């Protein structure tokens, strides 16, 4: 990959990014990190929005759960998306609560017709509140769930029926290959859904990895970028053991040299 990468913004990178004048194709912001931010912090974020196209990534839509959708949450998302004129909104094809009890994890759905019909109805309802399409991210999965259809068919049908693109996480495909034996290339070859944007990330080099965003994306992860259209935004995620932004900027600007940068 030769095109620059976008960045999934973390709060400690805001000030150095404002000082840097880096040329990035897009910034992704995590809604839950900003929903209760001070006006001063939001003003800094608006300054960044003046420089970069912004994508909004959410963690708590809970679209796969049987619990009622939280309308107040979606109205807050809509207000934030309107204020920052975001280019896209996403969450995950997953569930996080049952009976009002929440988990910190993004849990995978059964790959069944019943689960698909349930999510179609909830995505339609959520999109009507937001006034926008919701891109749905493929999550990492460490145990098999009941399966009547391939996961990629669920994404294809969600796009066909709801207009929901896929928020394609390439590293999650690689993690799932280790745990479930599912080939990323087979998923990507069968994917007909529109790709809203993509994530690349890295994990610890162990036999059975966790998607912890703790390392540079692997060469295999970056090779999967070739499946995307040239105009698809590709966003780097990094959560654990985050480097200083000054170390990341050369990676974002020249991803082909990323393994020499840190």
Protein backbone atom coordinates (compact mmCIF):
# COMPACT_ATOMS: atom_id res chain seq x y z
CA UNK A 1 0.00 0.00 0.00
CA UNK A 2 1.37 3.38 -1.02
CA UNK A 3 -1.49 5.74 -0.15
CA UNK A 4 -1.35 7.40 3.28
CA UNK A 5 -3.28 5.90 6.17
CA UNK A 6 -5.84 7.68 8.29
CA UNK A 7 -5.70 7.53 12.08
CA UNK A 8 -8.12 6.41 14.77
CA UNK A 9 -7.60 9.35 17.11
CA UNK A 10 -6.79 8.93 20.80
CA UNK A 11 -7.07 11.90 23.20
CA UNK A 12 -3.34 12.26 23.90
CA UNK A 13 -2.68 12.66 20.17
CA UNK A 14 -4.94 15.70 19.73
CA UNK A 15 -2.45 18.39 20.77
CA UNK A 16 0.56 16.99 18.87
CA UNK A 17 -1.62 16.47 15.80
CA UNK A 18 -2.76 20.08 15.94
CA UNK A 19 0.89 21.12 16.15
CA UNK A 20 2.04 18.82 13.36
CA UNK A 21 0.06 19.91 10.30
CA UNK A 22 0.28 16.31 9.12
CA UNK A 23 -1.39 15.47 5.81
CA UNK A 24 -3.81 12.65 6.64
CA UNK A 25 -6.65 11.40 4.44
CA UNK A 26 -9.09 10.97 7.37
CA UNK A 27 -9.47 10.92 11.14
CA UNK A 28 -11.67 8.46 13.00
CA UNK A 29 -12.98 9.42 16.43
CA UNK A 30 -14.49 7.06 19.02
CA UNK A 31 -17.82 8.49 20.17
CA UNK A 32 -17.53 7.13 23.72
CA UNK A 33 -14.23 8.98 24.20
CA UNK A 34 -15.83 12.35 23.38
CA UNK A 35 -19.48 12.23 24.42
CA UNK A 36 -18.74 13.79 27.83
CA UNK A 37 -15.71 15.85 26.78
CA UNK A 38 -15.33 19.47 27.85
CA UNK A 39 -16.17 22.28 25.45
CA UNK A 40 -12.46 23.11 25.34
CA UNK A 41 -11.63 19.57 24.20
CA UNK A 42 -14.46 19.63 21.66
CA UNK A 43 -13.15 22.94 20.33
CA UNK A 44 -9.79 21.27 19.67
CA UNK A 45 -11.61 18.46 17.91
CA UNK A 46 -13.42 21.01 15.75
CA UNK A 47 -10.06 22.47 14.77
CA UNK A 48 -9.02 19.01 13.61
CA UNK A 49 -12.31 18.62 11.76
CA UNK A 50 -11.40 21.76 9.85
CA UNK A 51 -8.32 19.97 8.54
CA UNK A 52 -9.40 16.37 8.04
CA UNK A 53 -12.48 14.43 6.94
CA UNK A 54 -13.88 12.82 10.10
CA UNK A 55 -15.39 9.36 10.64
CA UNK A 56 -17.37 8.49 13.78
CA UNK A 57 -16.93 5.04 15.30
CA UNK A 58 -19.27 3.89 18.09
CA UNK A 59 -19.07 1.08 20.62
CA UNK A 60 -22.48 1.03 22.29
CA UNK A 61 -25.26 0.88 19.68
CA UNK A 62 -25.75 -2.73 20.82
CA UNK A 63 -27.43 -3.60 17.55
CA UNK A 64 -27.36 -7.36 18.05
CA UNK A 65 -28.85 -7.38 21.55
CA UNK A 66 -32.45 -8.22 22.41
CA UNK A 67 -32.51 -5.27 24.84
CA UNK A 68 -34.37 -2.17 23.63
CA UNK A 69 -32.39 0.31 21.59
CA UNK A 70 -31.33 3.32 23.66
CA UNK A 71 -32.92 6.25 21.80
CA UNK A 72 -31.11 8.80 23.96
CA UNK A 73 -27.77 7.28 22.93
CA UNK A 74 -28.65 7.49 19.23
CA UNK A 75 -29.82 11.08 19.57
CA UNK A 76 -26.48 11.97 21.19
CA UNK A 77 -24.66 10.24 18.32
CA UNK A 78 -26.74 12.16 15.80
CA UNK A 79 -26.03 15.51 17.50
CA UNK A 80 -22.30 14.77 17.55
CA UNK A 81 -22.32 13.62 13.92
CA UNK A 82 -24.17 16.79 12.89
CA UNK A 83 -21.83 19.07 14.84
CA UNK A 84 -18.68 17.57 13.32
CA UNK A 85 -20.17 16.91 9.87
CA UNK A 86 -18.80 13.39 9.87
CA UNK A 87 -18.42 11.47 6.64
CA UNK A 88 -19.63 8.19 8.13
CA UNK A 89 -20.91 6.53 11.29
CA UNK A 90 -20.17 2.95 12.32
CA UNK A 91 -20.56 0.39 15.07
CA UNK A 92 -20.23 -3.40 15.21
CA UNK A 93 -22.24 -6.41 14.14
CA UNK A 94 -22.34 -7.63 17.73
CA UNK A 95 -24.19 -7.43 21.03
CA UNK A 96 -23.09 -6.13 24.44
CA UNK A 97 -25.98 -6.52 26.88
CA UNK A 98 -28.62 -8.95 28.07
CA UNK A 99 -31.36 -8.01 30.49
CA UNK A 100 -29.73 -4.62 30.99
CA UNK A 101 -26.40 -6.11 32.14
CA UNK A 102 -23.52 -4.91 29.96
CA UNK A 103 -20.22 -6.50 29.03
CA UNK A 104 -17.10 -4.64 27.94
CA UNK A 105 -16.72 -7.07 25.03
CA UNK A 106 -18.22 -6.91 21.55
CA UNK A 107 -19.85 -10.34 21.36
CA UNK A 108 -20.47 -12.11 18.04
CA UNK A 109 -23.93 -13.05 16.85
CA UNK A 110 -25.17 -16.47 15.79
CA UNK A 111 -24.87 -16.72 12.04
CA UNK A 112 -28.53 -17.56 11.60
CA UNK A 113 -31.48 -16.27 9.65
CA UNK A 114 -33.24 -15.38 12.91
CA UNK A 115 -30.29 -13.26 14.07
CA UNK A 116 -30.09 -11.56 10.68
CA UNK A 117 -33.78 -10.63 10.68
CA UNK A 118 -33.40 -9.26 14.19
CA UNK A 119 -30.44 -7.06 13.23
CA UNK A 120 -32.10 -5.85 10.01
CA UNK A 121 -35.02 -4.49 12.02
CA UNK A 122 -32.77 -2.83 14.59
CA UNK A 123 -30.43 -1.29 12.02
CA UNK A 124 -33.44 0.13 10.17
CA UNK A 125 -34.71 1.64 13.41
CA UNK A 126 -31.33 3.05 14.40
CA UNK A 127 -30.70 4.56 10.97
CA UNK A 128 -34.08 6.28 11.06
CA UNK A 129 -33.08 8.04 14.31
CA UNK A 130 -29.61 8.94 13.06
CA UNK A 131 -30.73 10.02 9.61
CA UNK A 132 -27.64 8.23 8.31
CA UNK A 133 -26.50 4.80 7.28
CA UNK A 134 -24.58 2.80 9.88
CA UNK A 135 -21.51 0.93 8.69
CA UNK A 136 -21.18 -2.38 10.56
CA UNK A 137 -17.80 -3.72 11.61
CA UNK A 138 -16.87 -7.40 11.61
CA UNK A 139 -15.68 -8.33 15.10
CA UNK A 140 -13.00 -10.71 16.31
CA UNK A 141 -14.38 -14.08 17.37
CA UNK A 142 -12.73 -16.71 19.55
CA UNK A 143 -15.37 -19.44 19.59
CA UNK A 144 -17.77 -20.65 16.94
CA UNK A 145 -21.42 -19.62 17.14
CA UNK A 146 -24.39 -21.46 15.58
CA UNK A 147 -24.12 -21.10 11.82
CA UNK A 148 -26.69 -21.42 9.06
CA UNK A 149 -24.97 -19.01 6.70
CA UNK A 150 -21.46 -17.64 6.22
CA UNK A 151 -20.75 -14.40 8.04
CA UNK A 152 -20.02 -12.60 4.78
CA UNK A 153 -23.55 -13.36 3.59
CA UNK A 154 -24.95 -11.56 6.62
CA UNK A 155 -22.98 -8.44 5.71
CA UNK A 156 -23.99 -8.70 2.07
CA UNK A 157 -27.66 -9.00 2.97
CA UNK A 158 -27.52 -6.20 5.53
CA UNK A 159 -26.17 -3.94 2.83
CA UNK A 160 -28.76 -5.09 0.32
CA UNK A 161 -31.71 -4.68 2.69
CA UNK A 162 -30.68 -1.76 4.94
CA UNK A 163 -28.09 0.04 2.85
CA UNK A 164 -25.62 -0.58 5.68
CA UNK A 165 -22.02 -0.79 4.42
CA UNK A 166 -19.43 -2.95 6.11
CA UNK A 167 -16.79 -1.29 8.27
CA UNK A 168 -14.15 -3.80 7.32
CA UNK A 169 -11.62 -4.72 10.00
CA UNK A 170 -8.83 -6.58 8.23
CA UNK A 171 -6.97 -7.57 11.39
CA UNK A 172 -10.13 -9.14 12.82
CA UNK A 173 -10.27 -11.39 9.76
CA UNK A 174 -6.73 -12.54 10.53
CA UNK A 175 -7.52 -13.15 14.21
CA UNK A 176 -10.58 -15.18 13.27
CA UNK A 177 -8.47 -17.25 10.90
CA UNK A 178 -6.31 -18.34 13.83
CA UNK A 179 -9.26 -19.19 16.09
CA UNK A 180 -11.89 -20.41 13.61
CA UNK A 181 -9.88 -21.42 10.56
CA UNK A 182 -11.76 -18.97 8.31
CA UNK A 183 -9.68 -17.64 5.45
CA UNK A 184 -9.73 -13.85 5.09
CA UNK A 185 -9.34 -14.15 1.33
CA UNK A 186 -12.51 -16.28 1.09
CA UNK A 187 -14.46 -13.63 3.04
CA UNK A 188 -13.14 -10.82 0.86
CA UNK A 189 -13.73 -12.71 -2.40
CA UNK A 190 -17.38 -13.26 -1.44
CA UNK A 191 -17.98 -9.73 -0.14
CA UNK A 192 -20.41 -7.71 -2.27
CA UNK A 193 -21.39 -5.15 0.39
CA UNK A 194 -20.06 -1.62 0.01
CA UNK A 195 -17.03 -0.98 2.21
CA UNK A 196 -17.57 2.20 4.21
CA UNK A 197 -14.01 2.27 5.50
CA UNK A 198 -11.41 -0.17 6.77
CA UNK A 199 -9.34 -0.76 9.88
CA UNK A 200 -5.80 -2.09 10.01
CA UNK A 201 -4.12 -2.95 13.30
CA UNK A 202 -1.66 -5.36 14.86
CA UNK A 203 -1.60 -7.84 17.71
CA UNK A 204 0.96 -9.79 19.68
CA UNK A 205 2.75 -12.45 17.66
CA UNK A 206 1.42 -15.49 19.50
CA UNK A 207 -0.23 -18.68 18.29
CA UNK A 208 -3.75 -17.68 19.38
CA UNK A 209 -3.83 -13.87 19.29
CA UNK A 210 -6.30 -11.41 20.77
CA UNK A 211 -7.29 -8.36 18.75
CA UNK A 212 -5.69 -5.91 21.18
CA UNK A 213 -4.36 -3.26 18.75
CA UNK A 214 -0.97 -3.45 20.40
CA UNK A 215 1.44 -3.56 17.47
CA UNK A 216 2.12 -2.48 13.93
CA UNK A 217 -0.16 -4.14 11.36
CA UNK A 218 1.42 -7.27 9.96
CA UNK A 219 2.55 -7.54 6.36
CA UNK A 220 -0.32 -9.99 5.83
CA UNK A 221 -2.80 -7.44 7.13
CA UNK A 222 -1.47 -4.78 4.79
CA UNK A 223 -1.61 -7.17 1.83
CA UNK A 224 -5.36 -7.51 2.36
CA UNK A 225 -5.70 -3.78 1.65
CA UNK A 226 -5.29 -4.71 -2.03
CA UNK A 227 -8.87 -6.03 -1.98
CA UNK A 228 -10.20 -2.50 -1.37
CA UNK A 229 -11.05 0.21 -3.83
CA UNK A 230 -8.37 2.87 -4.09
CA UNK A 231 -10.70 5.52 -2.64
CA UNK A 232 -11.52 3.52 0.51
CA UNK A 233 -10.29 5.18 3.71
CA UNK A 234 -7.93 2.87 5.62
CA UNK A 235 -7.58 3.74 9.30
CA UNK A 236 -4.79 2.64 11.64
CA UNK A 237 -5.92 1.59 15.14
CA UNK A 238 -3.56 1.43 18.11
CA UNK A 239 -4.74 1.02 21.71
CA UNK A 240 -2.33 -0.85 23.95
CA UNK A 241 1.26 0.36 24.34
CA UNK A 242 0.55 3.33 22.11
CA UNK A 243 3.59 5.08 20.62
CA UNK A 244 4.00 8.83 20.54
CA UNK A 245 2.31 10.47 17.58
CA UNK A 246 5.64 11.70 16.22
CA UNK A 247 6.62 8.04 15.76
CA UNK A 248 3.37 7.20 14.00
CA UNK A 249 3.26 10.03 11.50
CA UNK A 250 5.97 8.57 9.23
CA UNK A 251 3.99 5.29 9.23
CA UNK A 252 0.77 7.05 8.26
CA UNK A 253 2.43 9.01 5.50
CA UNK A 254 4.45 6.09 4.07
CA UNK A 255 2.79 2.82 5.14
CA UNK A 256 5.00 0.80 2.82
CA UNK A 257 7.90 1.58 5.17
CA UNK A 258 5.99 0.97 8.41
CA UNK A 259 8.12 -1.89 9.70
CA UNK A 260 11.21 0.29 9.62
CA UNK A 261 9.56 3.24 11.41
CA UNK A 262 9.23 2.10 15.03
